[in-house]
């Protein structure tokens, strides 16, 4: 695998699980809490857990907010995970938080989308995906069938302005956008680093993107 994968440490990410997964795959990686330390990374992983407002505060304090905008504009491959798949959008209802604005759309609570939402929130557990637009044929989901399941933990739901950015969805009482893509930015609501073999395959695909004709 060519190139160094940079893992962004902004004090709101599930760093250890991602690190263990990349180590198991033999990916070259570096973890850094300063943007300057990741300038030479050829790809970036942007994990996240917890609260959107706190995460955005940490991104601004560290300078990773402008760093991510710059790298996406430069078409550097970026993978957002869980909270990192949400705050790439414009706005989150969680704490009424303005976010990174890398993909048009908002993040809404399950109960905000459907009054008296009938299922338990947070959505926690294993779900398979439904691909859109040939997502399973190449790129992030190359070699992974729709029958595979991934681990989800979230109370807020991605609501893109344009359905065309959605690569895959899950069913949890409503249709949940589970993977999105715009330009060099791909983001998944689930935790691939906690999802066993299919999650590792997805991370391996990301580490290999740009090699051998494999897109992100």
Protein backbone atom coordinates (compact mmCIF):
# COMPACT_ATOMS: atom_id res chain seq x y z
CA UNK A 1 0.00 0.00 0.00
CA UNK A 2 1.46 3.31 -1.04
CA UNK A 3 1.24 6.57 0.84
CA UNK A 4 0.66 7.51 4.44
CA UNK A 5 -2.82 7.63 5.97
CA UNK A 6 -3.22 10.45 8.47
CA UNK A 7 -5.61 9.94 11.40
CA UNK A 8 -6.94 13.24 12.72
CA UNK A 9 -6.84 13.41 16.53
CA UNK A 10 -9.03 16.31 17.64
CA UNK A 11 -9.98 14.86 21.07
CA UNK A 12 -13.39 13.71 19.82
CA UNK A 13 -12.53 10.59 17.86
CA UNK A 14 -12.35 6.84 18.38
CA UNK A 15 -8.63 6.83 17.64
CA UNK A 16 -7.49 3.56 19.23
CA UNK A 17 -9.98 1.34 17.37
CA UNK A 18 -9.09 2.94 14.04
CA UNK A 19 -5.38 2.61 14.80
CA UNK A 20 -5.72 -1.09 15.64
CA UNK A 21 -7.68 -1.73 12.45
CA UNK A 22 -5.11 -0.02 10.22
CA UNK A 23 -2.26 -1.81 11.98
CA UNK A 24 -3.97 -5.17 11.39
CA UNK A 25 -4.30 -4.30 7.70
CA UNK A 26 -0.66 -3.28 7.37
CA UNK A 27 -1.57 0.28 6.34
CA UNK A 28 1.05 2.95 6.95
CA UNK A 29 -0.48 5.59 9.20
CA UNK A 30 0.30 8.52 11.45
CA UNK A 31 -1.85 9.96 14.25
CA UNK A 32 -1.52 13.67 14.84
CA UNK A 33 -3.24 16.42 16.82
CA UNK A 34 -1.69 19.22 14.75
CA UNK A 35 -2.56 19.89 11.09
CA UNK A 36 1.08 20.62 10.25
CA UNK A 37 2.00 17.02 11.16
CA UNK A 38 -0.42 15.66 8.53
CA UNK A 39 0.55 17.89 5.60
CA UNK A 40 2.32 15.04 3.83
CA UNK A 41 -0.39 12.41 4.41
CA UNK A 42 -1.80 11.16 1.11
CA UNK A 43 -5.18 10.24 2.66
CA UNK A 44 -6.97 11.29 5.85
CA UNK A 45 -9.31 9.51 8.26
CA UNK A 46 -11.62 11.77 10.25
CA UNK A 47 -13.20 9.70 13.06
CA UNK A 48 -15.62 10.99 15.65
CA UNK A 49 -17.75 10.06 18.64
CA UNK A 50 -19.89 12.08 21.01
CA UNK A 51 -21.31 15.58 20.70
CA UNK A 52 -21.30 17.68 17.52
CA UNK A 53 -20.92 21.01 19.32
CA UNK A 54 -17.91 19.83 21.34
CA UNK A 55 -16.34 18.27 18.23
CA UNK A 56 -16.64 21.50 16.25
CA UNK A 57 -15.12 23.47 19.13
CA UNK A 58 -12.14 21.10 19.14
CA UNK A 59 -11.75 21.30 15.37
CA UNK A 60 -11.63 25.09 15.53
CA UNK A 61 -9.20 25.15 18.46
CA UNK A 62 -6.83 22.77 16.68
CA UNK A 63 -7.14 24.33 13.23
CA UNK A 64 -8.39 21.07 11.75
CA UNK A 65 -11.57 22.79 10.54
CA UNK A 66 -9.74 24.88 7.94
CA UNK A 67 -7.27 22.04 7.31
CA UNK A 68 -10.09 19.65 6.31
CA UNK A 69 -11.71 22.25 4.06
CA UNK A 70 -8.36 22.87 2.38
CA UNK A 71 -7.59 19.17 1.85
CA UNK A 72 -11.03 18.39 0.43
CA UNK A 73 -10.66 21.35 -1.95
CA UNK A 74 -7.31 19.85 -3.01
CA UNK A 75 -9.05 16.51 -3.70
CA UNK A 76 -7.13 14.65 -0.98
CA UNK A 77 -9.12 11.48 -0.11
CA UNK A 78 -10.85 11.89 3.26
CA UNK A 79 -12.88 9.25 5.13
CA UNK A 80 -15.29 10.49 7.82
CA UNK A 81 -16.51 7.97 10.40
CA UNK A 82 -19.66 8.23 12.59
CA UNK A 83 -19.69 11.78 14.01
CA UNK A 84 -17.07 12.51 11.36
CA UNK A 85 -19.71 11.63 8.76
CA UNK A 86 -22.15 14.14 10.24
CA UNK A 87 -20.16 17.29 10.90
CA UNK A 88 -18.95 17.38 7.30
CA UNK A 89 -22.44 18.75 6.54
CA UNK A 90 -23.66 22.32 7.06
CA UNK A 91 -25.53 22.12 10.35
CA UNK A 92 -26.42 19.74 13.19
CA UNK A 93 -29.49 19.98 15.41
CA UNK A 94 -27.27 18.65 18.20
CA UNK A 95 -26.47 21.86 20.06
CA UNK A 96 -27.67 23.93 17.06
CA UNK A 97 -24.17 23.58 15.68
CA UNK A 98 -22.82 25.11 12.43
CA UNK A 99 -20.55 22.43 10.97
CA UNK A 100 -17.86 22.16 8.27
CA UNK A 101 -20.09 22.75 5.24
CA UNK A 102 -18.24 20.27 2.99
CA UNK A 103 -21.47 18.62 1.81
CA UNK A 104 -24.79 20.52 1.64
CA UNK A 105 -27.30 19.24 4.17
CA UNK A 106 -28.15 18.98 7.84
CA UNK A 107 -28.10 16.48 10.70
CA UNK A 108 -31.39 15.83 12.45
CA UNK A 109 -32.47 13.75 15.43
CA UNK A 110 -34.58 10.66 14.66
CA UNK A 111 -37.53 12.23 16.53
CA UNK A 112 -37.18 15.42 14.51
CA UNK A 113 -37.56 13.48 11.27
CA UNK A 114 -40.52 11.43 12.48
CA UNK A 115 -42.67 12.44 15.46
CA UNK A 116 -43.11 9.60 17.98
CA UNK A 117 -40.33 7.63 16.33
CA UNK A 118 -41.22 4.01 17.18
CA UNK A 119 -37.76 2.49 17.66
CA UNK A 120 -35.16 2.85 20.37
CA UNK A 121 -32.78 5.80 20.07
CA UNK A 122 -29.84 5.70 19.77
CA UNK A 123 -29.81 3.34 16.83
CA UNK A 124 -27.32 0.85 18.23
CA UNK A 125 -26.42 -2.47 16.68
CA UNK A 126 -25.84 -4.25 13.39
CA UNK A 127 -27.46 -3.37 10.07
CA UNK A 128 -26.85 -4.37 6.49
CA UNK A 129 -26.78 -1.76 3.73
CA UNK A 130 -28.64 -1.10 0.51
CA UNK A 131 -26.31 0.21 -2.18
CA UNK A 132 -27.10 3.05 -4.53
CA UNK A 133 -25.52 4.01 -7.83
CA UNK A 134 -23.31 0.96 -8.19
CA UNK A 135 -21.57 1.57 -4.87
CA UNK A 136 -20.71 -2.11 -4.55
CA UNK A 137 -18.92 -2.33 -7.89
CA UNK A 138 -15.89 -0.16 -7.12
CA UNK A 139 -14.39 2.25 -4.65
CA UNK A 140 -15.14 2.10 -0.95
CA UNK A 141 -17.38 -0.99 -1.14
CA UNK A 142 -15.37 -2.91 -3.74
CA UNK A 143 -15.66 -6.63 -3.10
CA UNK A 144 -18.20 -6.24 -0.27
CA UNK A 145 -21.73 -7.58 -0.73
CA UNK A 146 -24.89 -5.87 0.54
CA UNK A 147 -25.52 -8.87 2.80
CA UNK A 148 -22.72 -7.77 5.14
CA UNK A 149 -23.61 -5.95 8.37
CA UNK A 150 -21.96 -2.99 10.08
CA UNK A 151 -22.07 -1.59 13.60
CA UNK A 152 -24.06 1.62 14.13
CA UNK A 153 -24.34 3.90 17.18
CA UNK A 154 -26.10 7.22 16.56
CA UNK A 155 -29.08 9.38 17.54
CA UNK A 156 -28.79 11.89 14.69
CA UNK A 157 -29.33 11.22 11.00
CA UNK A 158 -27.61 12.55 7.89
CA UNK A 159 -30.04 14.54 5.72
CA UNK A 160 -28.23 15.60 2.52
CA UNK A 161 -29.75 18.23 0.26
CA UNK A 162 -29.03 16.03 -2.76
CA UNK A 163 -29.76 12.29 -2.82
CA UNK A 164 -27.00 11.89 -5.41
CA UNK A 165 -24.33 11.99 -2.68
CA UNK A 166 -25.74 8.86 -0.98
CA UNK A 167 -23.75 5.68 -1.66
CA UNK A 168 -25.66 3.38 0.70
CA UNK A 169 -28.54 3.39 3.17
CA UNK A 170 -29.68 1.33 6.16
CA UNK A 171 -33.22 0.67 7.38
CA UNK A 172 -33.98 1.66 10.97
CA UNK A 173 -37.64 2.62 10.98
CA UNK A 174 -36.74 5.20 8.35
CA UNK A 175 -34.19 5.18 5.55
CA UNK A 176 -30.87 6.14 7.12
CA UNK A 177 -28.14 7.45 4.79
CA UNK A 178 -25.22 5.25 5.84
CA UNK A 179 -22.50 6.26 3.37
CA UNK A 180 -22.08 9.44 1.35
CA UNK A 181 -19.59 10.76 -1.17
CA UNK A 182 -18.82 14.16 -2.66
CA UNK A 183 -15.61 14.63 -4.59
CA UNK A 184 -12.71 13.13 -2.64
CA UNK A 185 -14.72 13.03 0.60
CA UNK A 186 -16.43 9.79 1.61
CA UNK A 187 -18.15 9.33 4.96
CA UNK A 188 -19.87 6.45 6.75
CA UNK A 189 -22.35 6.67 9.62
CA UNK A 190 -21.35 3.24 10.96
CA UNK A 191 -18.06 2.18 12.57
CA UNK A 192 -16.03 0.13 10.06
CA UNK A 193 -13.27 -0.34 12.64
CA UNK A 194 -15.80 -2.19 14.86
CA UNK A 195 -17.57 -4.09 12.08
CA UNK A 196 -15.42 -7.16 11.63
CA UNK A 197 -14.30 -8.41 8.22
CA UNK A 198 -16.47 -6.16 5.99
CA UNK A 199 -15.41 -3.09 7.96
CA UNK A 200 -11.76 -4.04 7.62
CA UNK A 201 -12.25 -4.59 3.89
CA UNK A 202 -13.78 -1.13 3.59
CA UNK A 203 -10.83 0.43 5.43
CA UNK A 204 -8.42 -1.54 3.24
CA UNK A 205 -10.22 -0.22 0.14
CA UNK A 206 -9.76 3.31 1.44
CA UNK A 207 -6.06 2.73 2.15
CA UNK A 208 -5.70 1.45 -1.44
CA UNK A 209 -7.69 4.20 -3.14
CA UNK A 210 -5.79 5.68 -6.05
CA UNK A 211 -3.83 2.46 -6.55
CA UNK A 212 -4.48 -0.08 -9.31
CA UNK A 213 -7.43 1.91 -10.63
CA UNK A 214 -9.37 1.65 -7.34
CA UNK A 215 -11.31 4.84 -6.69
CA UNK A 216 -12.47 6.11 -3.31
